[in-house]
Amino acid sequence: MPVSPITLYFDFSSPYAYLASTQIEALAARHQRSVEWVPVLLGPVFAVTGSKLPVQQPLKAEYMARDLPRSARFLGVPYQHPQPFPVPTQQAARVVLALQRAQSPLAVEWIHKVYESYFVHGRDISQMPTLHAIGAGMRLEAAQIDAWCAEPALKEQLRASVERGIQAGMCGAPYFVVDGEPFWGVDRLPQIERWLQGRF
């Protein structure tokens, strides 16, 4: 019987989702699972939950400034807090959906390269020249990226992805659903591992 994928709802502006993106494929592979990458926008999610952006919560922002580099060191991945932060991510998300629609293996590569561009190299991924440069390294034409970002069907699909996340109970990113069980946060990865082992 085929097993369900690990569904990961993510926003490119979420540093914790970036950290999760560096770990989830290896975790899934250990349990013969695939990963379903679902790009969303946290703004509409926060509007539903009543949450505020971390930068609007001084104590949380100060904690994150310490926790994010520490968490990256713990996971053994590079991290540089970007400026500006956060940034709009709908354009980069629409490209993910376009590549997924084409069943292109470049979809996951795009996700990793966008995250790396923002959280490792500090490049502003809300700007089209940045996305064009990422695409150029993947042999994606700038005109094609522009067309995807402006395509009404992809705009609607992104809205549907956000609504799907909300209906799944998403309250932040990264948000995972494994066999119908929700897990919020990169710090839940050990619980996901144990869940897949059938140990609780």
C-alpha atoms as a PDB file:
ATOM      1  CA  MET A   1       0.000   0.000   0.000  1.00  0.00           C
ATOM      2  CA  PRO A   2       1.448   3.414  -0.928  1.00  0.00           C
ATOM      3  CA  VAL A   3       2.211   5.720   1.973  1.00  0.00           C
ATOM      4  CA  SER A   4       1.261   9.369   2.089  1.00  0.00           C
ATOM      5  CA  PRO A   5       3.884  12.084   1.699  1.00  0.00           C
ATOM      6  CA  ILE A   6       4.990  14.437   4.422  1.00  0.00           C
ATOM      7  CA  THR A   7       3.185  17.671   3.599  1.00  0.00           C
ATOM      8  CA  LEU A   8       5.201  20.789   4.374  1.00  0.00           C
ATOM      9  CA  TYR A   9       3.528  24.198   4.285  1.00  0.00           C
ATOM     10  CA  PHE A  10       6.191  26.899   4.034  1.00  0.00           C
ATOM     11  CA  ASP A  11       6.685  30.603   3.402  1.00  0.00           C
ATOM     12  CA  PHE A  12       9.967  31.783   1.900  1.00  0.00           C
ATOM     13  CA  SER A  13      10.078  34.589   4.472  1.00  0.00           C
ATOM     14  CA  SER A  14      10.078  32.175   7.422  1.00  0.00           C
ATOM     15  CA  PRO A  15      13.577  31.482   8.775  1.00  0.00           C
ATOM     16  CA  TYR A  16      12.347  28.461  10.690  1.00  0.00           C
ATOM     17  CA  ALA A  17      10.833  27.062   7.503  1.00  0.00           C
ATOM     18  CA  TYR A  18      14.229  27.564   5.870  1.00  0.00           C
ATOM     19  CA  LEU A  19      15.837  25.470   8.605  1.00  0.00           C
ATOM     20  CA  ALA A  20      13.168  22.795   8.171  1.00  0.00           C
ATOM     21  CA  SER A  21      13.736  22.760   4.409  1.00  0.00           C
ATOM     22  CA  THR A  22      17.342  21.690   4.973  1.00  0.00           C
ATOM     23  CA  GLN A  23      16.310  18.648   7.030  1.00  0.00           C
ATOM     24  CA  ILE A  24      12.966  17.307   5.848  1.00  0.00           C
ATOM     25  CA  GLU A  25      14.083  15.444   2.723  1.00  0.00           C
ATOM     26  CA  ALA A  26      16.631  13.332   4.585  1.00  0.00           C
ATOM     27  CA  LEU A  27      14.103  12.612   7.324  1.00  0.00           C
ATOM     28  CA  ALA A  28      11.487  11.595   4.766  1.00  0.00           C
ATOM     29  CA  ALA A  29      13.947   9.376   2.905  1.00  0.00           C
ATOM     30  CA  ARG A  30      14.787   7.491   6.108  1.00  0.00           C
ATOM     31  CA  HIS A  31      11.146   6.414   6.234  1.00  0.00           C
ATOM     32  CA  GLN A  32      10.533   5.895   2.516  1.00  0.00           C
ATOM     33  CA  ARG A  33       8.355   8.986   2.319  1.00  0.00           C
ATOM     34  CA  SER A  34       8.271  11.811  -0.187  1.00  0.00           C
ATOM     35  CA  VAL A  35       7.787  15.480   0.640  1.00  0.00           C
ATOM     36  CA  GLU A  36       4.870  17.517  -0.658  1.00  0.00           C
ATOM     37  CA  TRP A  37       6.009  21.140  -0.701  1.00  0.00           C
ATOM     38  CA  VAL A  38       3.105  23.590  -0.366  1.00  0.00           C
ATOM     39  CA  PRO A  39       4.051  27.279  -0.631  1.00  0.00           C
ATOM     40  CA  VAL A  40       1.852  29.652   1.352  1.00  0.00           C
ATOM     41  CA  LEU A  41       1.836  33.248   2.555  1.00  0.00           C
ATOM     42  CA  LEU A  42       1.918  33.816   6.287  1.00  0.00           C
ATOM     43  CA  GLY A  43       0.164  37.190   6.124  1.00  0.00           C
ATOM     44  CA  PRO A  44      -3.294  35.702   5.468  1.00  0.00           C
ATOM     45  CA  VAL A  45      -2.593  32.921   7.990  1.00  0.00           C
ATOM     46  CA  PHE A  46      -1.752  35.461  10.691  1.00  0.00           C
ATOM     47  CA  ALA A  47      -4.885  37.430   9.796  1.00  0.00           C
ATOM     48  CA  VAL A  48      -6.955  34.346  10.629  1.00  0.00           C
ATOM     49  CA  THR A  49      -5.035  33.384  13.777  1.00  0.00           C
ATOM     50  CA  GLY A  50      -4.717  36.929  15.112  1.00  0.00           C
ATOM     51  CA  SER A  51      -0.926  36.606  15.289  1.00  0.00           C
ATOM     52  CA  LYS A  52       1.551  39.388  14.607  1.00  0.00           C
ATOM     53  CA  LEU A  53       4.789  39.317  12.680  1.00  0.00           C
ATOM     54  CA  PRO A  54       7.760  38.566  14.969  1.00  0.00           C
ATOM     55  CA  VAL A  55       9.271  41.965  14.145  1.00  0.00           C
ATOM     56  CA  GLN A  56       6.138  43.510  15.668  1.00  0.00           C
ATOM     57  CA  GLN A  57       6.719  41.645  18.944  1.00  0.00           C
ATOM     58  CA  PRO A  58       9.938  43.003  20.539  1.00  0.00           C
ATOM     59  CA  LEU A  59      10.498  40.185  23.030  1.00  0.00           C
ATOM     60  CA  LYS A  60       9.923  37.510  20.401  1.00  0.00           C
ATOM     61  CA  ALA A  61      12.109  39.335  17.890  1.00  0.00           C
ATOM     62  CA  GLU A  62      14.944  39.561  20.412  1.00  0.00           C
ATOM     63  CA  TYR A  63      14.637  35.871  21.203  1.00  0.00           C
ATOM     64  CA  MET A  64      14.626  34.908  17.526  1.00  0.00           C
ATOM     65  CA  ALA A  65      17.777  36.955  16.957  1.00  0.00           C
ATOM     66  CA  ARG A  66      19.549  34.582  19.365  1.00  0.00           C
ATOM     67  CA  ASP A  67      17.648  31.405  18.605  1.00  0.00           C
ATOM     68  CA  LEU A  68      17.944  31.360  14.817  1.00  0.00           C
ATOM     69  CA  PRO A  69      21.770  31.399  14.567  1.00  0.00           C
ATOM     70  CA  ARG A  70      21.939  28.930  17.450  1.00  0.00           C
ATOM     71  CA  SER A  71      19.405  26.613  15.796  1.00  0.00           C
ATOM     72  CA  ALA A  72      21.293  26.822  12.502  1.00  0.00           C
ATOM     73  CA  ARG A  73      24.535  25.876  14.254  1.00  0.00           C
ATOM     74  CA  PHE A  74      22.757  22.990  15.953  1.00  0.00           C
ATOM     75  CA  LEU A  75      21.548  21.698  12.582  1.00  0.00           C
ATOM     76  CA  GLY A  76      24.892  22.373  10.911  1.00  0.00           C
ATOM     77  CA  VAL A  77      23.545  24.726   8.250  1.00  0.00           C
ATOM     78  CA  PRO A  78      24.565  28.263   7.288  1.00  0.00           C
ATOM     79  CA  TYR A  79      22.396  31.180   8.365  1.00  0.00           C
ATOM     80  CA  GLN A  80      22.606  34.935   8.002  1.00  0.00           C
ATOM     81  CA  HIS A  81      19.675  37.032   9.136  1.00  0.00           C
ATOM     82  CA  PRO A  82      18.588  39.017   6.077  1.00  0.00           C
ATOM     83  CA  GLN A  83      17.713  42.650   5.709  1.00  0.00           C
ATOM     84  CA  PRO A  84      15.076  43.632   4.864  1.00  0.00           C
ATOM     85  CA  PHE A  85      13.075  41.126   6.869  1.00  0.00           C
ATOM     86  CA  PRO A  86      10.441  39.945   6.269  1.00  0.00           C
ATOM     87  CA  VAL A  87       9.739  40.450   2.570  1.00  0.00           C
ATOM     88  CA  PRO A  88       6.819  39.620   0.253  1.00  0.00           C
ATOM     89  CA  THR A  89       7.242  36.131  -1.178  1.00  0.00           C
ATOM     90  CA  GLN A  90       4.290  35.607  -3.502  1.00  0.00           C
ATOM     91  CA  GLN A  91       6.400  35.857  -6.669  1.00  0.00           C
ATOM     92  CA  ALA A  92       8.855  33.170  -5.607  1.00  0.00           C
ATOM     93  CA  ALA A  93       5.936  31.000  -4.442  1.00  0.00           C
ATOM     94  CA  ARG A  94       4.177  31.240  -7.810  1.00  0.00           C
ATOM     95  CA  VAL A  95       7.299  29.958  -9.538  1.00  0.00           C
ATOM     96  CA  VAL A  96       7.247  26.907  -7.239  1.00  0.00           C
ATOM     97  CA  LEU A  97       3.670  26.199  -8.269  1.00  0.00           C
ATOM     98  CA  ALA A  98       4.474  26.638 -11.960  1.00  0.00           C
ATOM     99  CA  LEU A  99       7.370  24.187 -11.771  1.00  0.00           C
ATOM    100  CA  GLN A 100       5.264  21.720  -9.787  1.00  0.00           C
ATOM    101  CA  ARG A 101       2.520  22.002 -12.401  1.00  0.00           C
ATOM    102  CA  ALA A 102       5.062  21.004 -15.033  1.00  0.00           C
ATOM    103  CA  GLN A 103       6.173  18.129 -12.755  1.00  0.00           C
ATOM    104  CA  SER A 104       9.660  19.548 -12.982  1.00  0.00           C
ATOM    105  CA  PRO A 105      12.393  18.362 -10.614  1.00  0.00           C
ATOM    106  CA  LEU A 106      13.505  21.982 -10.653  1.00  0.00           C
ATOM    107  CA  ALA A 107      10.680  22.848  -8.243  1.00  0.00           C
ATOM    108  CA  VAL A 108      12.555  21.572  -5.197  1.00  0.00           C
ATOM    109  CA  GLU A 109      15.839  22.991  -6.480  1.00  0.00           C
ATOM    110  CA  TRP A 110      14.143  26.386  -6.802  1.00  0.00           C
ATOM    111  CA  ILE A 111      12.900  26.157  -3.209  1.00  0.00           C
ATOM    112  CA  HIS A 112      16.381  25.466  -1.874  1.00  0.00           C
ATOM    113  CA  LYS A 113      18.023  28.154  -4.000  1.00  0.00           C
ATOM    114  CA  VAL A 114      15.506  30.827  -3.002  1.00  0.00           C
ATOM    115  CA  TYR A 115      15.967  29.991   0.676  1.00  0.00           C
ATOM    116  CA  GLU A 116      19.750  29.999   0.277  1.00  0.00           C
ATOM    117  CA  SER A 117      19.661  33.308  -1.550  1.00  0.00           C
ATOM    118  CA  TYR A 118      17.706  34.944   1.280  1.00  0.00           C
ATOM    119  CA  PHE A 119      18.919  33.299   4.480  1.00  0.00           C
ATOM    120  CA  VAL A 120      22.514  32.569   3.519  1.00  0.00           C
ATOM    121  CA  HIS A 121      23.449  35.338   1.082  1.00  0.00           C
ATOM    122  CA  GLY A 122      21.024  38.023   2.254  1.00  0.00           C
ATOM    123  CA  ARG A 123      19.574  38.785  -1.167  1.00  0.00           C
ATOM    124  CA  ASP A 124      16.130  40.351  -1.348  1.00  0.00           C
ATOM    125  CA  ILE A 125      13.945  37.620  -2.846  1.00  0.00           C
ATOM    126  CA  SER A 126      10.999  39.995  -3.222  1.00  0.00           C
ATOM    127  CA  GLN A 127      12.844  41.667  -6.101  1.00  0.00           C
ATOM    128  CA  MET A 128      12.478  40.272  -9.607  1.00  0.00           C
ATOM    129  CA  PRO A 129      16.190  40.738 -10.501  1.00  0.00           C
ATOM    130  CA  THR A 130      17.026  38.411  -7.598  1.00  0.00           C
ATOM    131  CA  LEU A 131      14.576  35.800  -8.851  1.00  0.00           C
ATOM    132  CA  HIS A 132      15.921  36.223 -12.388  1.00  0.00           C
ATOM    133  CA  ALA A 133      19.453  35.580 -11.116  1.00  0.00           C
ATOM    134  CA  ILE A 134      18.323  32.443  -9.289  1.00  0.00           C
ATOM    135  CA  GLY A 135      16.528  31.287 -12.403  1.00  0.00           C
ATOM    136  CA  ALA A 136      19.536  31.954 -14.617  1.00  0.00           C
ATOM    137  CA  GLY A 137      21.537  29.481 -12.562  1.00  0.00           C
ATOM    138  CA  MET A 138      18.843  26.917 -13.274  1.00  0.00           C
ATOM    139  CA  ARG A 139      18.459  27.756 -16.978  1.00  0.00           C
ATOM    140  CA  LEU A 140      15.100  29.405 -16.439  1.00  0.00           C
ATOM    141  CA  GLU A 141      14.456  32.419 -18.633  1.00  0.00           C
ATOM    142  CA  ALA A 142      13.665  35.725 -16.935  1.00  0.00           C
ATOM    143  CA  ALA A 143      10.711  36.245 -19.264  1.00  0.00           C
ATOM    144  CA  GLN A 144       9.270  32.879 -18.243  1.00  0.00           C
ATOM    145  CA  ILE A 145       9.615  33.733 -14.561  1.00  0.00           C
ATOM    146  CA  ASP A 146       7.868  37.057 -15.170  1.00  0.00           C
ATOM    147  CA  ALA A 147       5.057  35.293 -17.035  1.00  0.00           C
ATOM    148  CA  TRP A 148       4.532  32.799 -14.222  1.00  0.00           C
ATOM    149  CA  CYS A 149       4.451  35.531 -11.604  1.00  0.00           C
ATOM    150  CA  ALA A 150       1.764  37.399 -13.538  1.00  0.00           C
ATOM    151  CA  GLU A 151      -0.346  34.370 -14.452  1.00  0.00           C
ATOM    152  CA  PRO A 152      -3.868  34.595 -12.976  1.00  0.00           C
ATOM    153  CA  ALA A 153      -4.181  30.806 -12.621  1.00  0.00           C
ATOM    154  CA  LEU A 154      -1.045  30.656 -10.469  1.00  0.00           C
ATOM    155  CA  LYS A 155      -2.198  33.602  -8.369  1.00  0.00           C
ATOM    156  CA  GLU A 156      -5.436  31.734  -7.712  1.00  0.00           C
ATOM    157  CA  GLN A 157      -3.569  28.508  -6.984  1.00  0.00           C
ATOM    158  CA  LEU A 158      -1.441  30.272  -4.385  1.00  0.00           C
ATOM    159  CA  ARG A 159      -4.569  31.645  -2.724  1.00  0.00           C
ATOM    160  CA  ALA A 160      -5.968  28.110  -2.716  1.00  0.00           C
ATOM    161  CA  SER A 161      -2.763  26.800  -1.127  1.00  0.00           C
ATOM    162  CA  VAL A 162      -3.068  29.370   1.642  1.00  0.00           C
ATOM    163  CA  GLU A 163      -6.675  28.364   2.232  1.00  0.00           C
ATOM    164  CA  ARG A 164      -5.672  24.711   2.226  1.00  0.00           C
ATOM    165  CA  GLY A 165      -3.088  25.423   4.924  1.00  0.00           C
ATOM    166  CA  ILE A 166      -5.617  27.301   7.031  1.00  0.00           C
ATOM    167  CA  GLN A 167      -8.121  24.470   6.690  1.00  0.00           C
ATOM    168  CA  ALA A 168      -5.379  22.058   7.789  1.00  0.00           C
ATOM    169  CA  GLY A 169      -4.955  24.094  10.976  1.00  0.00           C
ATOM    170  CA  MET A 170      -1.806  25.951   9.994  1.00  0.00           C
ATOM    171  CA  CYS A 171      -0.828  28.541  12.593  1.00  0.00           C
ATOM    172  CA  GLY A 172       2.729  29.294  11.435  1.00  0.00           C
ATOM    173  CA  ALA A 173       5.574  27.947   9.351  1.00  0.00           C
ATOM    174  CA  PRO A 174       6.929  25.389   8.951  1.00  0.00           C
ATOM    175  CA  TYR A 175       3.753  23.382   9.343  1.00  0.00           C
ATOM    176  CA  PHE A 176       3.805  19.657   8.642  1.00  0.00           C
ATOM    177  CA  VAL A 177       1.014  17.138   8.211  1.00  0.00           C
ATOM    178  CA  VAL A 178       2.017  13.484   8.500  1.00  0.00           C
ATOM    179  CA  ASP A 179      -0.679  10.831   8.090  1.00  0.00           C
ATOM    180  CA  GLY A 180      -3.228  13.444   9.140  1.00  0.00           C
ATOM    181  CA  GLU A 181      -1.235  14.476  12.227  1.00  0.00           C
ATOM    182  CA  PRO A 182      -0.160  18.158  12.386  1.00  0.00           C
ATOM    183  CA  PHE A 183       3.241  19.346  13.616  1.00  0.00           C
ATOM    184  CA  TRP A 184       4.195  23.023  13.873  1.00  0.00           C
ATOM    185  CA  GLY A 185       7.794  24.170  13.930  1.00  0.00           C
ATOM    186  CA  VAL A 186      11.250  22.955  13.002  1.00  0.00           C
ATOM    187  CA  ASP A 187      11.693  21.810  16.599  1.00  0.00           C
ATOM    188  CA  ARG A 188       9.009  19.175  15.971  1.00  0.00           C
ATOM    189  CA  LEU A 189      11.211  17.260  13.542  1.00  0.00           C
ATOM    190  CA  PRO A 190      12.276  14.746  16.245  1.00  0.00           C
ATOM    191  CA  GLN A 191       8.601  14.124  17.013  1.00  0.00           C
ATOM    192  CA  ILE A 192       7.885  13.571  13.320  1.00  0.00           C
ATOM    193  CA  GLU A 193      10.751  11.082  13.211  1.00  0.00           C
ATOM    194  CA  ARG A 194       9.359   9.164  16.157  1.00  0.00           C
ATOM    195  CA  TRP A 195       5.834   9.327  14.725  1.00  0.00           C
ATOM    196  CA  LEU A 196       7.083   7.722  11.505  1.00  0.00           C
ATOM    197  CA  GLN A 197       8.829   5.057  13.538  1.00  0.00           C
ATOM    198  CA  GLY A 198       5.467   4.198  15.058  1.00  0.00           C
ATOM    199  CA  ARG A 199       6.794   4.775  18.558  1.00  0.00           C
ATOM    200  CA  PHE A 200       4.013   7.077  19.793  1.00  0.00           C
END
